[in-house]
Amino acid sequence: MTGHLLGGAGAIESVFIVKALQDRLAPPTINIENLDPAVTVDVVRDTPRQLPAGDIAALNDSFGFGGHNVVLAFKSL
C-alpha cells in the first residue's frame, strides 16, 4: 500500500504490474471486507495468488485531472 502518489501513481502501478508478471503472482486487493454475492468477479483477497502458466496480460489505467488519461498494456514474456 503506497497511498496516492499524485503524478507518480501510474508509474508505481506499472512497476507493480511488471513485478507481478515477473513473479507470476497476482497481488491481493486491500481493504475489502464485504463482497456483493451477486457480483461474480474473482477478487484476489488476503494473500497473493499464483498466476497460471502461459501468457498473462495486464492493463494499467490512470485518469487525472484536466483530462490526463492513459492506459498501458503489459504482457508476460
N, C-alpha and C. Protein backbone atom coordinates (compact mmCIF):
# COMPACT_ATOMS: atom_id res chain seq x y z
N MET A 1 0.85 -1.16 0.00
CA MET A 1 0.00 0.00 0.00
C MET A 1 0.90 1.23 0.00
N THR A 2 0.65 2.13 -0.94
CA THR A 2 1.53 3.29 -1.09
C THR A 2 0.85 4.62 -0.80
N GLY A 3 -0.45 4.66 -0.68
CA GLY A 3 -1.14 5.94 -0.63
C GLY A 3 -1.24 6.48 -2.04
N HIS A 4 -1.66 7.73 -2.18
CA HIS A 4 -1.77 8.31 -3.53
C HIS A 4 -0.53 9.12 -3.82
N LEU A 5 0.12 8.81 -4.92
CA LEU A 5 1.37 9.47 -5.28
C LEU A 5 1.18 10.56 -6.33
N LEU A 6 -0.07 11.01 -6.51
CA LEU A 6 -0.40 12.06 -7.48
C LEU A 6 0.13 11.69 -8.85
N GLY A 7 1.03 12.50 -9.42
CA GLY A 7 1.54 12.25 -10.77
C GLY A 7 2.35 10.98 -10.90
N GLY A 8 2.84 10.45 -9.80
CA GLY A 8 3.64 9.23 -9.84
C GLY A 8 2.83 7.95 -9.66
N ALA A 9 1.52 8.08 -9.46
CA ALA A 9 0.69 6.90 -9.18
C ALA A 9 0.72 5.89 -10.32
N GLY A 10 0.58 6.37 -11.55
CA GLY A 10 0.60 5.46 -12.70
C GLY A 10 1.93 4.77 -12.86
N ALA A 11 3.02 5.49 -12.56
CA ALA A 11 4.36 4.91 -12.71
C ALA A 11 4.57 3.77 -11.71
N ILE A 12 4.20 3.99 -10.45
CA ILE A 12 4.43 2.95 -9.44
C ILE A 12 3.50 1.75 -9.70
N GLU A 13 2.29 2.02 -10.21
CA GLU A 13 1.40 0.91 -10.58
C GLU A 13 2.03 0.06 -11.69
N SER A 14 2.69 0.72 -12.63
CA SER A 14 3.36 -0.01 -13.72
C SER A 14 4.48 -0.89 -13.18
N VAL A 15 5.22 -0.38 -12.21
CA VAL A 15 6.29 -1.17 -11.58
C VAL A 15 5.69 -2.39 -10.89
N PHE A 16 4.58 -2.20 -10.18
CA PHE A 16 3.92 -3.32 -9.50
C PHE A 16 3.44 -4.37 -10.51
N ILE A 17 2.91 -3.92 -11.65
CA ILE A 17 2.43 -4.86 -12.67
C ILE A 17 3.58 -5.68 -13.24
N VAL A 18 4.68 -5.00 -13.58
CA VAL A 18 5.84 -5.71 -14.12
C VAL A 18 6.35 -6.74 -13.12
N LYS A 19 6.44 -6.35 -11.85
CA LYS A 19 6.90 -7.27 -10.81
C LYS A 19 5.94 -8.46 -10.67
N ALA A 20 4.64 -8.20 -10.72
CA ALA A 20 3.65 -9.28 -10.61
C ALA A 20 3.78 -10.25 -11.78
N LEU A 21 4.00 -9.72 -12.98
CA LEU A 21 4.17 -10.59 -14.15
C LEU A 21 5.46 -11.40 -14.05
N GLN A 22 6.54 -10.77 -13.58
CA GLN A 22 7.81 -11.48 -13.41
C GLN A 22 7.68 -12.62 -12.40
N ASP A 23 7.01 -12.35 -11.29
CA ASP A 23 6.87 -13.35 -10.22
C ASP A 23 5.69 -14.29 -10.45
N ARG A 24 4.86 -13.97 -11.45
CA ARG A 24 3.65 -14.74 -11.76
C ARG A 24 2.73 -14.84 -10.54
N LEU A 25 2.59 -13.72 -9.85
CA LEU A 25 1.71 -13.62 -8.68
C LEU A 25 0.77 -12.44 -8.84
N ALA A 26 -0.51 -12.65 -8.59
CA ALA A 26 -1.47 -11.56 -8.56
C ALA A 26 -1.55 -11.05 -7.13
N PRO A 27 -1.22 -9.77 -6.89
CA PRO A 27 -1.26 -9.25 -5.53
C PRO A 27 -2.70 -9.13 -5.03
N PRO A 28 -2.89 -9.21 -3.72
CA PRO A 28 -4.25 -9.10 -3.19
C PRO A 28 -4.76 -7.66 -3.26
N THR A 29 -6.08 -7.54 -3.32
CA THR A 29 -6.74 -6.24 -3.24
C THR A 29 -6.94 -5.93 -1.77
N ILE A 30 -6.51 -4.74 -1.34
CA ILE A 30 -6.59 -4.40 0.08
C ILE A 30 -7.94 -3.77 0.43
N ASN A 31 -8.25 -3.79 1.70
CA ASN A 31 -9.41 -3.13 2.29
C ASN A 31 -10.76 -3.64 1.78
N ILE A 32 -10.83 -4.89 1.40
CA ILE A 32 -12.13 -5.47 1.02
C ILE A 32 -12.65 -6.25 2.21
N GLU A 33 -13.80 -5.82 2.71
CA GLU A 33 -14.40 -6.52 3.84
C GLU A 33 -15.60 -7.34 3.42
N ASN A 34 -16.44 -6.75 2.59
CA ASN A 34 -17.67 -7.43 2.18
C ASN A 34 -17.78 -7.39 0.66
N LEU A 35 -17.97 -8.55 0.06
CA LEU A 35 -18.21 -8.63 -1.37
C LEU A 35 -19.69 -8.89 -1.61
N ASP A 36 -20.23 -8.26 -2.63
CA ASP A 36 -21.62 -8.48 -3.01
C ASP A 36 -21.73 -9.86 -3.65
N PRO A 37 -22.49 -10.77 -3.08
CA PRO A 37 -22.58 -12.13 -3.63
C PRO A 37 -23.20 -12.17 -5.03
N ALA A 38 -23.90 -11.11 -5.43
CA ALA A 38 -24.49 -11.07 -6.76
C ALA A 38 -23.47 -10.74 -7.84
N VAL A 39 -22.31 -10.24 -7.45
CA VAL A 39 -21.25 -9.90 -8.40
C VAL A 39 -20.28 -11.08 -8.47
N THR A 40 -20.08 -11.60 -9.65
CA THR A 40 -19.28 -12.82 -9.80
C THR A 40 -17.87 -12.52 -10.29
N VAL A 41 -17.23 -11.52 -9.71
CA VAL A 41 -15.85 -11.18 -10.04
C VAL A 41 -14.94 -11.96 -9.11
N ASP A 42 -13.93 -12.59 -9.66
CA ASP A 42 -12.97 -13.37 -8.87
C ASP A 42 -11.92 -12.41 -8.30
N VAL A 43 -12.13 -11.96 -7.08
CA VAL A 43 -11.24 -10.98 -6.44
C VAL A 43 -10.16 -11.71 -5.65
N VAL A 44 -8.92 -11.28 -5.82
CA VAL A 44 -7.80 -11.83 -5.04
C VAL A 44 -7.80 -11.12 -3.70
N ARG A 45 -8.04 -11.88 -2.63
CA ARG A 45 -8.12 -11.31 -1.29
C ARG A 45 -7.06 -11.92 -0.39
N ASP A 46 -6.62 -11.15 0.57
CA ASP A 46 -5.77 -11.59 1.69
C ASP A 46 -4.35 -11.98 1.30
N THR A 47 -4.17 -12.92 0.38
CA THR A 47 -2.81 -13.36 0.02
C THR A 47 -2.67 -13.37 -1.50
N PRO A 48 -1.44 -13.20 -2.00
CA PRO A 48 -1.23 -13.25 -3.46
C PRO A 48 -1.66 -14.60 -4.02
N ARG A 49 -2.01 -14.59 -5.29
CA ARG A 49 -2.44 -15.82 -5.96
C ARG A 49 -1.48 -16.12 -7.12
N GLN A 50 -1.08 -17.38 -7.23
CA GLN A 50 -0.22 -17.81 -8.33
C GLN A 50 -0.97 -17.66 -9.64
N LEU A 51 -0.32 -17.07 -10.65
CA LEU A 51 -0.93 -16.93 -11.96
C LEU A 51 -0.70 -18.21 -12.77
N PRO A 52 -1.62 -18.54 -13.66
CA PRO A 52 -1.47 -19.78 -14.43
C PRO A 52 -0.31 -19.71 -15.42
N ALA A 53 0.11 -20.85 -15.90
CA ALA A 53 1.17 -20.91 -16.91
C ALA A 53 0.66 -20.29 -18.21
N GLY A 54 1.58 -19.88 -19.05
CA GLY A 54 1.21 -19.30 -20.33
C GLY A 54 1.28 -17.78 -20.29
N ASP A 55 0.82 -17.17 -21.37
CA ASP A 55 0.86 -15.71 -21.47
C ASP A 55 -0.14 -15.07 -20.51
N ILE A 56 0.30 -14.01 -19.88
CA ILE A 56 -0.54 -13.23 -18.97
C ILE A 56 -0.50 -11.78 -19.44
N ALA A 57 -1.64 -11.13 -19.47
CA ALA A 57 -1.70 -9.72 -19.83
C ALA A 57 -2.32 -8.93 -18.69
N ALA A 58 -1.92 -7.66 -18.58
CA ALA A 58 -2.47 -6.78 -17.55
C ALA A 58 -2.60 -5.38 -18.12
N LEU A 59 -3.58 -4.64 -17.63
CA LEU A 59 -3.78 -3.25 -18.03
C LEU A 59 -3.60 -2.35 -16.83
N ASN A 60 -3.00 -1.19 -17.07
CA ASN A 60 -2.87 -0.16 -16.05
C ASN A 60 -3.53 1.09 -16.61
N ASP A 61 -4.61 1.52 -15.98
CA ASP A 61 -5.27 2.74 -16.44
C ASP A 61 -5.15 3.83 -15.40
N SER A 62 -4.87 5.03 -15.87
CA SER A 62 -4.71 6.18 -14.99
C SER A 62 -5.51 7.34 -15.57
N PHE A 63 -6.31 7.96 -14.72
CA PHE A 63 -7.14 9.07 -15.14
C PHE A 63 -6.87 10.23 -14.20
N GLY A 64 -6.46 11.37 -14.75
CA GLY A 64 -6.09 12.51 -13.91
C GLY A 64 -6.95 13.73 -14.18
N PHE A 65 -6.75 14.73 -13.35
CA PHE A 65 -7.46 15.99 -13.51
C PHE A 65 -7.09 16.64 -14.83
N GLY A 66 -8.02 17.34 -15.43
CA GLY A 66 -7.74 18.06 -16.66
C GLY A 66 -7.70 17.18 -17.89
N GLY A 67 -8.19 15.96 -17.80
CA GLY A 67 -8.25 15.10 -18.97
C GLY A 67 -6.99 14.32 -19.27
N HIS A 68 -6.12 14.16 -18.29
CA HIS A 68 -4.91 13.35 -18.48
C HIS A 68 -5.29 11.88 -18.28
N ASN A 69 -5.35 11.16 -19.38
CA ASN A 69 -5.79 9.76 -19.34
C ASN A 69 -4.80 8.89 -20.11
N VAL A 70 -4.47 7.74 -19.56
CA VAL A 70 -3.57 6.82 -20.25
C VAL A 70 -3.89 5.39 -19.83
N VAL A 71 -3.72 4.47 -20.76
CA VAL A 71 -3.83 3.04 -20.47
C VAL A 71 -2.59 2.37 -21.05
N LEU A 72 -1.90 1.59 -20.23
CA LEU A 72 -0.73 0.84 -20.66
C LEU A 72 -1.07 -0.65 -20.61
N ALA A 73 -0.65 -1.38 -21.64
CA ALA A 73 -0.87 -2.82 -21.69
C ALA A 73 0.46 -3.53 -21.48
N PHE A 74 0.46 -4.55 -20.63
CA PHE A 74 1.66 -5.33 -20.34
C PHE A 74 1.36 -6.79 -20.64
N LYS A 75 2.40 -7.52 -21.07
CA LYS A 75 2.26 -8.94 -21.35
C LYS A 75 3.50 -9.66 -20.85
N SER A 76 3.30 -10.82 -20.24
CA SER A 76 4.44 -11.60 -19.76
C SER A 76 5.22 -12.15 -20.95
N LEU A 77 6.50 -12.38 -20.72
CA LEU A 77 7.36 -12.93 -21.78
C LEU A 77 7.60 -14.40 -21.55
